[in-house]
Amino acid sequence: MAEDDVVFVGNKPVMNYVLAVVTQFNSGAGEVRIMARGRAISRAVDVAEVSRSRFLGDVHVKDIQISTETLNTDRGETNVSAIEITLSK
């Protein structure tokens, strides 16, 4: 899988990320990974479900990985949850 087939979810509206996922599949990608961490995790789940149910009927969830990342901030180390959802045709 190429690095181009990854959509990083942040604070933008859900439909911006849905458009990115649909564009990746329409350009020939067989799999697309949706990645997010922290508060954006729920938005990443929304992106996967909207993409799958409304726009890409032949796509299914292949894998879901959850993890915890340690970040160094000005207040010391903090743990942040992360998710990676793999959609496949």
N, C-alpha and C. Protein backbone atom coordinates (compact mmCIF):
# COMPACT_ATOMS: atom_id res chain seq x y z
N MET A 1 0.85 -1.17 0.00
CA MET A 1 0.00 0.00 0.00
C MET A 1 0.89 1.24 0.00
N ALA A 2 0.59 2.17 -0.87
CA ALA A 2 1.37 3.40 -0.97
C ALA A 2 0.97 4.36 0.15
N GLU A 3 1.88 5.27 0.47
CA GLU A 3 1.59 6.27 1.49
C GLU A 3 0.48 7.22 1.04
N ASP A 4 0.22 7.28 -0.27
CA ASP A 4 -0.85 8.14 -0.78
C ASP A 4 -2.22 7.61 -0.40
N ASP A 5 -2.30 6.36 -0.03
CA ASP A 5 -3.58 5.74 0.28
C ASP A 5 -3.93 5.86 1.76
N VAL A 6 -3.44 6.91 2.42
CA VAL A 6 -3.71 7.15 3.83
C VAL A 6 -4.39 8.50 3.97
N VAL A 7 -5.49 8.53 4.73
CA VAL A 7 -6.20 9.78 5.01
C VAL A 7 -6.06 10.04 6.50
N PHE A 8 -5.42 11.15 6.86
CA PHE A 8 -5.26 11.54 8.25
C PHE A 8 -6.42 12.45 8.63
N VAL A 9 -7.18 12.05 9.63
CA VAL A 9 -8.37 12.79 10.04
C VAL A 9 -8.00 13.75 11.16
N GLY A 10 -8.46 14.99 11.01
CA GLY A 10 -8.20 16.03 12.00
C GLY A 10 -9.47 16.76 12.37
N ASN A 11 -9.44 18.09 12.30
CA ASN A 11 -10.55 18.92 12.77
C ASN A 11 -11.47 19.43 11.67
N LYS A 12 -11.21 19.10 10.43
CA LYS A 12 -12.06 19.57 9.33
C LYS A 12 -13.39 18.82 9.34
N PRO A 13 -14.37 19.31 8.59
CA PRO A 13 -15.66 18.60 8.53
C PRO A 13 -15.51 17.19 7.94
N VAL A 14 -16.43 16.31 8.33
CA VAL A 14 -16.38 14.90 7.94
C VAL A 14 -16.37 14.75 6.43
N MET A 15 -17.17 15.52 5.74
CA MET A 15 -17.29 15.35 4.28
C MET A 15 -16.00 15.64 3.55
N ASN A 16 -15.12 16.48 4.09
CA ASN A 16 -13.82 16.71 3.46
C ASN A 16 -13.02 15.41 3.41
N TYR A 17 -13.05 14.65 4.49
CA TYR A 17 -12.31 13.39 4.56
C TYR A 17 -13.00 12.30 3.75
N VAL A 18 -14.34 12.31 3.72
CA VAL A 18 -15.08 11.36 2.90
C VAL A 18 -14.70 11.56 1.43
N LEU A 19 -14.63 12.81 1.01
CA LEU A 19 -14.23 13.11 -0.38
C LEU A 19 -12.83 12.57 -0.66
N ALA A 20 -11.92 12.70 0.29
CA ALA A 20 -10.56 12.19 0.10
C ALA A 20 -10.56 10.67 -0.05
N VAL A 21 -11.37 9.98 0.75
CA VAL A 21 -11.44 8.51 0.67
C VAL A 21 -12.04 8.08 -0.66
N VAL A 22 -13.15 8.71 -1.05
CA VAL A 22 -13.79 8.37 -2.32
C VAL A 22 -12.86 8.64 -3.49
N THR A 23 -12.12 9.73 -3.44
CA THR A 23 -11.16 10.07 -4.50
C THR A 23 -10.07 9.01 -4.61
N GLN A 24 -9.58 8.54 -3.47
CA GLN A 24 -8.54 7.50 -3.48
C GLN A 24 -9.06 6.22 -4.14
N PHE A 25 -10.26 5.80 -3.80
CA PHE A 25 -10.80 4.58 -4.40
C PHE A 25 -11.09 4.78 -5.89
N ASN A 26 -11.58 5.94 -6.27
CA ASN A 26 -11.87 6.20 -7.69
C ASN A 26 -10.61 6.31 -8.53
N SER A 27 -9.47 6.61 -7.90
CA SER A 27 -8.22 6.70 -8.65
C SER A 27 -7.50 5.35 -8.72
N GLY A 28 -8.15 4.29 -8.24
CA GLY A 28 -7.59 2.95 -8.42
C GLY A 28 -7.04 2.28 -7.18
N ALA A 29 -7.13 2.90 -6.03
CA ALA A 29 -6.60 2.28 -4.81
C ALA A 29 -7.47 1.09 -4.41
N GLY A 30 -6.84 0.01 -4.01
CA GLY A 30 -7.56 -1.17 -3.55
C GLY A 30 -7.89 -1.11 -2.07
N GLU A 31 -7.05 -0.38 -1.33
CA GLU A 31 -7.23 -0.20 0.11
C GLU A 31 -6.94 1.26 0.46
N VAL A 32 -7.65 1.76 1.45
CA VAL A 32 -7.39 3.10 1.97
C VAL A 32 -7.39 3.00 3.49
N ARG A 33 -6.36 3.59 4.11
CA ARG A 33 -6.28 3.62 5.57
C ARG A 33 -6.74 4.99 6.06
N ILE A 34 -7.59 4.98 7.06
CA ILE A 34 -8.05 6.21 7.71
C ILE A 34 -7.42 6.22 9.09
N MET A 35 -6.63 7.26 9.38
CA MET A 35 -5.91 7.32 10.64
C MET A 35 -6.29 8.57 11.41
N ALA A 36 -6.41 8.42 12.74
CA ALA A 36 -6.73 9.56 13.60
C ALA A 36 -6.24 9.26 15.00
N ARG A 37 -6.14 10.31 15.79
CA ARG A 37 -5.82 10.12 17.20
C ARG A 37 -6.53 11.16 18.04
N GLY A 38 -6.71 10.81 19.29
CA GLY A 38 -7.35 11.72 20.23
C GLY A 38 -8.82 11.94 19.93
N ARG A 39 -9.23 13.21 19.98
CA ARG A 39 -10.63 13.54 19.78
C ARG A 39 -11.12 13.31 18.36
N ALA A 40 -10.21 13.14 17.42
CA ALA A 40 -10.60 12.92 16.02
C ALA A 40 -10.99 11.47 15.73
N ILE A 41 -10.87 10.59 16.72
CA ILE A 41 -11.19 9.18 16.50
C ILE A 41 -12.66 9.01 16.11
N SER A 42 -13.56 9.69 16.78
CA SER A 42 -14.98 9.55 16.44
C SER A 42 -15.26 10.09 15.04
N ARG A 43 -14.54 11.12 14.63
CA ARG A 43 -14.70 11.65 13.28
C ARG A 43 -14.18 10.64 12.26
N ALA A 44 -13.12 9.92 12.56
CA ALA A 44 -12.59 8.90 11.65
C ALA A 44 -13.58 7.76 11.46
N VAL A 45 -14.26 7.37 12.54
CA VAL A 45 -15.28 6.33 12.44
C VAL A 45 -16.43 6.82 11.56
N ASP A 46 -16.82 8.09 11.74
CA ASP A 46 -17.87 8.67 10.90
C ASP A 46 -17.46 8.67 9.43
N VAL A 47 -16.21 9.02 9.15
CA VAL A 47 -15.70 9.03 7.78
C VAL A 47 -15.79 7.65 7.16
N ALA A 48 -15.39 6.63 7.91
CA ALA A 48 -15.44 5.26 7.39
C ALA A 48 -16.87 4.83 7.11
N GLU A 49 -17.77 5.13 8.03
CA GLU A 49 -19.16 4.69 7.86
C GLU A 49 -19.88 5.46 6.76
N VAL A 50 -19.67 6.76 6.66
CA VAL A 50 -20.32 7.54 5.60
C VAL A 50 -19.77 7.12 4.24
N SER A 51 -18.47 6.93 4.14
CA SER A 51 -17.87 6.50 2.88
C SER A 51 -18.42 5.16 2.44
N ARG A 52 -18.50 4.24 3.38
CA ARG A 52 -18.92 2.87 3.07
C ARG A 52 -20.41 2.79 2.76
N SER A 53 -21.24 3.47 3.52
CA SER A 53 -22.67 3.29 3.37
C SER A 53 -23.30 4.18 2.30
N ARG A 54 -22.82 5.40 2.14
CA ARG A 54 -23.46 6.33 1.20
C ARG A 54 -22.81 6.37 -0.17
N PHE A 55 -21.49 6.24 -0.24
CA PHE A 55 -20.79 6.49 -1.50
C PHE A 55 -20.15 5.26 -2.12
N LEU A 56 -19.67 4.34 -1.32
CA LEU A 56 -18.93 3.19 -1.83
C LEU A 56 -19.57 1.91 -1.30
N GLY A 57 -20.55 1.41 -2.04
CA GLY A 57 -21.27 0.23 -1.58
C GLY A 57 -20.45 -1.04 -1.58
N ASP A 58 -19.44 -1.12 -2.43
CA ASP A 58 -18.65 -2.34 -2.56
C ASP A 58 -17.42 -2.36 -1.65
N VAL A 59 -17.31 -1.41 -0.74
CA VAL A 59 -16.16 -1.31 0.16
C VAL A 59 -16.56 -1.85 1.53
N HIS A 60 -15.62 -2.59 2.16
CA HIS A 60 -15.87 -3.11 3.49
C HIS A 60 -14.70 -2.78 4.41
N VAL A 61 -14.93 -2.88 5.70
CA VAL A 61 -13.88 -2.63 6.68
C VAL A 61 -13.03 -3.89 6.77
N LYS A 62 -11.77 -3.77 6.39
CA LYS A 62 -10.87 -4.92 6.39
C LYS A 62 -10.22 -5.12 7.76
N ASP A 63 -9.83 -4.01 8.40
CA ASP A 63 -9.09 -4.12 9.66
C ASP A 63 -9.25 -2.84 10.46
N ILE A 64 -9.22 -2.97 11.78
CA ILE A 64 -9.21 -1.83 12.68
C ILE A 64 -8.12 -2.06 13.71
N GLN A 65 -7.20 -1.13 13.81
CA GLN A 65 -6.11 -1.19 14.78
C GLN A 65 -6.26 -0.03 15.75
N ILE A 66 -6.14 -0.31 17.04
CA ILE A 66 -6.13 0.76 18.04
C ILE A 66 -4.80 0.70 18.79
N SER A 67 -4.33 1.86 19.22
CA SER A 67 -3.06 1.92 19.91
C SER A 67 -3.01 3.16 20.79
N THR A 68 -1.95 3.27 21.56
CA THR A 68 -1.70 4.44 22.39
C THR A 68 -0.33 4.99 22.03
N GLU A 69 -0.27 6.29 21.76
CA GLU A 69 0.98 6.95 21.44
C GLU A 69 1.36 7.87 22.59
N THR A 70 2.65 7.94 22.88
CA THR A 70 3.15 8.82 23.92
C THR A 70 3.70 10.08 23.27
N LEU A 71 3.17 11.23 23.69
CA LEU A 71 3.61 12.51 23.15
C LEU A 71 4.33 13.31 24.23
N ASN A 72 5.39 14.00 23.83
CA ASN A 72 6.09 14.89 24.74
C ASN A 72 5.53 16.29 24.58
N THR A 73 4.94 16.81 25.63
CA THR A 73 4.37 18.15 25.61
C THR A 73 5.09 19.02 26.63
N ASP A 74 4.68 20.27 26.73
CA ASP A 74 5.30 21.16 27.71
C ASP A 74 4.96 20.75 29.15
N ARG A 75 3.91 19.95 29.31
CA ARG A 75 3.53 19.44 30.63
C ARG A 75 4.10 18.05 30.90
N GLY A 76 5.00 17.58 30.07
CA GLY A 76 5.58 16.25 30.24
C GLY A 76 5.00 15.28 29.23
N GLU A 77 5.15 14.00 29.50
CA GLU A 77 4.63 12.99 28.59
C GLU A 77 3.14 12.78 28.82
N THR A 78 2.41 12.59 27.73
CA THR A 78 0.98 12.31 27.81
C THR A 78 0.64 11.21 26.81
N ASN A 79 -0.35 10.40 27.14
CA ASN A 79 -0.79 9.31 26.28
C ASN A 79 -1.97 9.76 25.43
N VAL A 80 -1.94 9.40 24.16
CA VAL A 80 -3.01 9.74 23.23
C VAL A 80 -3.43 8.47 22.51
N SER A 81 -4.72 8.21 22.48
CA SER A 81 -5.25 7.04 21.77
C SER A 81 -5.20 7.30 20.27
N ALA A 82 -5.02 6.23 19.49
CA ALA A 82 -4.97 6.34 18.04
C ALA A 82 -5.74 5.17 17.42
N ILE A 83 -6.27 5.40 16.21
CA ILE A 83 -7.00 4.37 15.50
C ILE A 83 -6.59 4.38 14.04
N GLU A 84 -6.58 3.20 13.45
CA GLU A 84 -6.31 3.05 12.02
C GLU A 84 -7.37 2.10 11.45
N ILE A 85 -8.20 2.62 10.55
CA ILE A 85 -9.27 1.84 9.94
C ILE A 85 -8.88 1.59 8.49
N THR A 86 -8.82 0.34 8.09
CA THR A 86 -8.48 -0.01 6.71
C THR A 86 -9.75 -0.41 5.96
N LEU A 87 -10.05 0.33 4.91
CA LEU A 87 -11.17 0.01 4.03
C LEU A 87 -10.63 -0.68 2.79
N SER A 88 -11.34 -1.69 2.29
CA SER A 88 -10.88 -2.46 1.15
C SER A 88 -12.04 -2.75 0.22
N LYS A 89 -11.72 -2.87 -1.09
CA LYS A 89 -12.74 -3.24 -2.07
C LYS A 89 -12.95 -4.73 -2.07
